Amino acid sequence: MKQFMNGFGEKRQLPRWLCDRNFSVSVIIDDHHYPMSVVNFNHLGIGLFCGERLPEVVHCTLALSYHSDWIQLRDERIPVTIVYANETEVGSDYGLKFELENSSTELQEALLEIENLLATKQCHGDRYGLFG
């Protein structure tokens, strides 16, 4: 068993933080909105779950809103690349990478602020958003 456990490692460049209830997202493909449940987040990408399967595309748009006492993003449209897709019996998991090269500095800073807020909550024992 010890040899097996040595094989574990971080798959991502940066950790992703569990999302709180302040997120609202949908994936837009060919003008159709697919409502998604958010799973995890960092300023470079987001993990999502959908009860239905998305069409076979690599590039699409994410409509992202985040509302808290400190951060207000309203329906930001972010180009994304789907880097991970896994179909399960109850829905599909997706990993999306933000394509921020042509995005505003304000949006990039807001994504960093959201990441820092999620990290702070989880480092203070509220990993699952139960206390606020």
C-alpha atoms as a PDB file:
ATOM      1  CA  MET A   1       0.000   0.000   0.000  1.00  0.00           C
ATOM      2  CA  LYS A   2       2.792   2.439   0.779  1.00  0.00           C
ATOM      3  CA  GLN A   3       4.231   2.120  -2.723  1.00  0.00           C
ATOM      4  CA  PHE A   4       0.784   2.893  -4.206  1.00  0.00           C
ATOM      5  CA  MET A   5       0.372   6.010  -2.080  1.00  0.00           C
ATOM      6  CA  ASN A   6       3.697   7.398  -3.291  1.00  0.00           C
ATOM      7  CA  GLY A   7       2.115   7.627  -6.745  1.00  0.00           C
ATOM      8  CA  PHE A   8      -0.337  10.342  -5.681  1.00  0.00           C
ATOM      9  CA  GLY A   9       0.481  13.871  -6.709  1.00  0.00           C
ATOM     10  CA  GLU A  10      -1.124  17.167  -7.572  1.00  0.00           C
ATOM     11  CA  LYS A  11      -2.497  17.076 -11.110  1.00  0.00           C
ATOM     12  CA  ARG A  12      -2.842  20.840 -11.446  1.00  0.00           C
ATOM     13  CA  GLN A  13      -0.369  23.701 -11.459  1.00  0.00           C
ATOM     14  CA  LEU A  14      -2.372  25.460  -8.743  1.00  0.00           C
ATOM     15  CA  PRO A  15      -4.842  24.067  -6.221  1.00  0.00           C
ATOM     16  CA  ARG A  16      -8.515  24.573  -6.941  1.00  0.00           C
ATOM     17  CA  TRP A  17     -10.727  25.648  -4.064  1.00  0.00           C
ATOM     18  CA  LEU A  18     -14.198  24.293  -3.377  1.00  0.00           C
ATOM     19  CA  CYS A  19     -16.819  26.782  -4.522  1.00  0.00           C
ATOM     20  CA  ASP A  20     -19.334  28.526  -2.314  1.00  0.00           C
ATOM     21  CA  ARG A  21     -22.973  29.439  -2.985  1.00  0.00           C
ATOM     22  CA  ASN A  22     -22.073  32.837  -4.429  1.00  0.00           C
ATOM     23  CA  PHE A  23     -21.376  31.431  -7.916  1.00  0.00           C
ATOM     24  CA  SER A  24     -23.807  31.325 -10.809  1.00  0.00           C
ATOM     25  CA  VAL A  25     -22.498  29.919 -14.096  1.00  0.00           C
ATOM     26  CA  SER A  26     -23.606  28.609 -17.439  1.00  0.00           C
ATOM     27  CA  VAL A  27     -21.664  27.430 -20.456  1.00  0.00           C
ATOM     28  CA  ILE A  28     -22.662  29.035 -23.744  1.00  0.00           C
ATOM     29  CA  ILE A  29     -22.335  26.989 -26.928  1.00  0.00           C
ATOM     30  CA  ASP A  30     -23.982  28.176 -30.156  1.00  0.00           C
ATOM     31  CA  ASP A  31     -26.118  30.705 -28.227  1.00  0.00           C
ATOM     32  CA  HIS A  32     -27.506  27.956 -25.971  1.00  0.00           C
ATOM     33  CA  HIS A  33     -26.962  28.332 -22.203  1.00  0.00           C
ATOM     34  CA  TYR A  34     -26.208  25.169 -20.223  1.00  0.00           C
ATOM     35  CA  PRO A  35     -26.707  25.846 -16.479  1.00  0.00           C
ATOM     36  CA  MET A  36     -23.889  24.259 -14.468  1.00  0.00           C
ATOM     37  CA  SER A  37     -23.114  23.495 -10.839  1.00  0.00           C
ATOM     38  CA  VAL A  38     -19.750  24.824  -9.743  1.00  0.00           C
ATOM     39  CA  VAL A  39     -17.349  22.447  -8.029  1.00  0.00           C
ATOM     40  CA  ASN A  40     -13.949  24.085  -7.697  1.00  0.00           C
ATOM     41  CA  PHE A  41     -12.154  27.247  -8.811  1.00  0.00           C
ATOM     42  CA  ASN A  42      -8.902  29.118  -9.156  1.00  0.00           C
ATOM     43  CA  HIS A  43      -8.067  32.226 -11.168  1.00  0.00           C
ATOM     44  CA  LEU A  44      -6.982  30.067 -14.139  1.00  0.00           C
ATOM     45  CA  GLY A  45      -9.994  27.762 -14.393  1.00  0.00           C
ATOM     46  CA  ILE A  46     -13.094  26.178 -12.949  1.00  0.00           C
ATOM     47  CA  GLY A  47     -14.514  22.712 -12.366  1.00  0.00           C
ATOM     48  CA  LEU A  48     -18.178  22.223 -13.222  1.00  0.00           C
ATOM     49  CA  PHE A  49     -20.870  19.550 -13.135  1.00  0.00           C
ATOM     50  CA  CYS A  50     -23.837  19.297 -15.499  1.00  0.00           C
ATOM     51  CA  GLY A  51     -26.738  16.864 -15.478  1.00  0.00           C
ATOM     52  CA  GLU A  52     -26.586  16.694 -19.249  1.00  0.00           C
ATOM     53  CA  ARG A  53     -23.728  16.195 -21.654  1.00  0.00           C
ATOM     54  CA  LEU A  54     -22.362  19.245 -23.479  1.00  0.00           C
ATOM     55  CA  PRO A  55     -21.908  19.168 -27.245  1.00  0.00           C
ATOM     56  CA  GLU A  56     -18.466  18.032 -28.436  1.00  0.00           C
ATOM     57  CA  VAL A  57     -16.519  21.322 -28.529  1.00  0.00           C
ATOM     58  CA  VAL A  58     -13.165  22.470 -27.239  1.00  0.00           C
ATOM     59  CA  HIS A  59     -13.739  26.242 -27.082  1.00  0.00           C
ATOM     60  CA  CYS A  60     -16.839  27.943 -25.705  1.00  0.00           C
ATOM     61  CA  THR A  61     -17.882  30.797 -23.430  1.00  0.00           C
ATOM     62  CA  LEU A  62     -18.541  30.806 -19.689  1.00  0.00           C
ATOM     63  CA  ALA A  63     -21.121  33.208 -18.264  1.00  0.00           C
ATOM     64  CA  LEU A  64     -19.904  33.799 -14.695  1.00  0.00           C
ATOM     65  CA  SER A  65     -21.519  35.736 -11.871  1.00  0.00           C
ATOM     66  CA  TYR A  66     -20.189  35.944  -8.325  1.00  0.00           C
ATOM     67  CA  HIS A  67     -21.945  37.902  -5.587  1.00  0.00           C
ATOM     68  CA  SER A  68     -20.550  38.381  -2.094  1.00  0.00           C
ATOM     69  CA  ASP A  69     -20.174  41.287   0.316  1.00  0.00           C
ATOM     70  CA  TRP A  70     -16.801  42.130  -1.262  1.00  0.00           C
ATOM     71  CA  ILE A  71     -16.927  40.959  -4.882  1.00  0.00           C
ATOM     72  CA  GLN A  72     -19.627  41.597  -7.473  1.00  0.00           C
ATOM     73  CA  LEU A  73     -19.231  40.050 -10.935  1.00  0.00           C
ATOM     74  CA  ARG A  74     -22.317  40.181 -13.118  1.00  0.00           C
ATOM     75  CA  ASP A  75     -22.638  37.837 -16.073  1.00  0.00           C
ATOM     76  CA  GLU A  76     -19.011  38.141 -17.179  1.00  0.00           C
ATOM     77  CA  ARG A  77     -18.433  36.371 -20.498  1.00  0.00           C
ATOM     78  CA  ILE A  78     -15.124  34.517 -20.421  1.00  0.00           C
ATOM     79  CA  PRO A  79     -13.751  32.493 -23.340  1.00  0.00           C
ATOM     80  CA  VAL A  80     -12.732  29.036 -22.093  1.00  0.00           C
ATOM     81  CA  THR A  81     -11.154  25.826 -23.299  1.00  0.00           C
ATOM     82  CA  ILE A  82     -12.606  22.533 -22.090  1.00  0.00           C
ATOM     83  CA  VAL A  83      -9.554  20.634 -20.860  1.00  0.00           C
ATOM     84  CA  TYR A  84     -11.322  17.817 -19.029  1.00  0.00           C
ATOM     85  CA  ALA A  85     -14.616  15.991 -19.531  1.00  0.00           C
ATOM     86  CA  ASN A  86     -15.838  12.893 -17.721  1.00  0.00           C
ATOM     87  CA  GLU A  87     -19.281  11.433 -18.260  1.00  0.00           C
ATOM     88  CA  THR A  88     -20.824   9.596 -15.291  1.00  0.00           C
ATOM     89  CA  GLU A  89     -24.148   7.844 -14.748  1.00  0.00           C
ATOM     90  CA  VAL A  90     -25.661  10.979 -13.209  1.00  0.00           C
ATOM     91  CA  GLY A  91     -24.095  13.726 -15.330  1.00  0.00           C
ATOM     92  CA  SER A  92     -20.788  15.039 -16.569  1.00  0.00           C
ATOM     93  CA  ASP A  93     -17.791  16.706 -14.908  1.00  0.00           C
ATOM     94  CA  TYR A  94     -15.891  19.386 -16.822  1.00  0.00           C
ATOM     95  CA  GLY A  95     -12.655  21.271 -16.265  1.00  0.00           C
ATOM     96  CA  LEU A  96     -12.475  24.632 -18.029  1.00  0.00           C
ATOM     97  CA  LYS A  97      -9.399  26.801 -18.494  1.00  0.00           C
ATOM     98  CA  PHE A  98     -10.017  30.554 -18.681  1.00  0.00           C
ATOM     99  CA  GLU A  99      -8.609  32.216 -21.812  1.00  0.00           C
ATOM    100  CA  LEU A 100      -7.787  35.630 -20.343  1.00  0.00           C
ATOM    101  CA  GLU A 101      -5.330  37.076 -22.883  1.00  0.00           C
ATOM    102  CA  ASN A 102      -7.878  39.626 -24.160  1.00  0.00           C
ATOM    103  CA  SER A 103      -9.733  40.123 -20.860  1.00  0.00           C
ATOM    104  CA  SER A 104      -9.713  43.286 -18.797  1.00  0.00           C
ATOM    105  CA  THR A 105      -7.369  43.767 -15.871  1.00  0.00           C
ATOM    106  CA  GLU A 106     -10.468  44.269 -13.688  1.00  0.00           C
ATOM    107  CA  LEU A 107     -11.785  40.801 -14.560  1.00  0.00           C
ATOM    108  CA  GLN A 108      -8.404  39.167 -13.934  1.00  0.00           C
ATOM    109  CA  GLU A 109      -8.120  40.932 -10.567  1.00  0.00           C
ATOM    110  CA  ALA A 110     -11.677  39.885  -9.619  1.00  0.00           C
ATOM    111  CA  LEU A 111     -10.860  36.226 -10.400  1.00  0.00           C
ATOM    112  CA  LEU A 112      -7.806  36.466  -8.132  1.00  0.00           C
ATOM    113  CA  GLU A 113      -9.919  38.054  -5.386  1.00  0.00           C
ATOM    114  CA  ILE A 114     -12.463  35.219  -5.601  1.00  0.00           C
ATOM    115  CA  GLU A 115      -9.663  32.653  -5.373  1.00  0.00           C
ATOM    116  CA  ASN A 116      -8.162  34.393  -2.345  1.00  0.00           C
ATOM    117  CA  LEU A 117     -11.559  34.587  -0.648  1.00  0.00           C
ATOM    118  CA  LEU A 118     -12.227  30.860  -1.202  1.00  0.00           C
ATOM    119  CA  ALA A 119      -8.719  29.949  -0.021  1.00  0.00           C
ATOM    120  CA  THR A 120      -9.083  32.052   3.129  1.00  0.00           C
ATOM    121  CA  LYS A 121     -12.445  30.458   4.004  1.00  0.00           C
ATOM    122  CA  GLN A 122     -11.108  26.961   3.514  1.00  0.00           C
ATOM    123  CA  CYS A 123      -7.896  27.583   5.399  1.00  0.00           C
ATOM    124  CA  HIS A 124      -9.981  28.733   8.366  1.00  0.00           C
ATOM    125  CA  GLY A 125     -11.951  25.508   8.672  1.00  0.00           C
ATOM    126  CA  ASP A 126     -14.938  26.373   6.471  1.00  0.00           C
ATOM    127  CA  ARG A 127     -13.920  24.149   3.527  1.00  0.00           C
ATOM    128  CA  TYR A 128     -17.508  23.226   2.652  1.00  0.00           C
ATOM    129  CA  GLY A 129     -19.076  26.681   3.143  1.00  0.00           C
ATOM    130  CA  LEU A 130     -21.172  25.601   6.105  1.00  0.00           C
ATOM    131  CA  PHE A 131     -20.602  28.693   8.233  1.00  0.00           C
ATOM    132  CA  GLY A 132     -21.473  31.552   5.960  1.00  0.00           C
END
